Amino acid sequence: NRGTKMPMHLYQLVGRHVPTEKDKNPKLYRMKIFAQNEVLAKSRFWYFLSQLDKLKKYSGQILAVHEIFEKRPDIVKTYGVWLRYNSRSGTHNMYKEFRELTLNGAIDKLYAEMASLHLAPFSP
């Protein structure tokens, strides 16, 4: 039932280190993240950035958060998604294709299918 949970949205976030005397123009980081709302998107941004570089929330700043919308949401398209997930027997790589009007709808279907068929927990 798709009406019982919040749908996924695609956000683009741009962040960087806080400028200092030593580094007046720090490197910018841009990520596209699927999340249910803007707060969760920011949280995932800091999680992935802390793994990518020694950058934490207290030493960085988010410059922009934009939700990305579909250009043509009235045309059915085929979306392919490469994913990696952990199961009881180990880590698996998988490729799935979905027919959907929007990318967000395809990702919603992906999470629903992974939760039902592959016993992967729903944790975006």
Foldseek 3Di string as FASTA:
>chain_A
DVVPDQFKFKKKWKKFFDADPVRNDTDIDIDIDIDRDDVVVVVVVQVVVVVVDVDHPVGMDIDDMDTDDDPFLPDKDKDKDWDWAADPVGIDIDIDIDTHSTPSVVVVVVLVCCCPPVVGDNDD
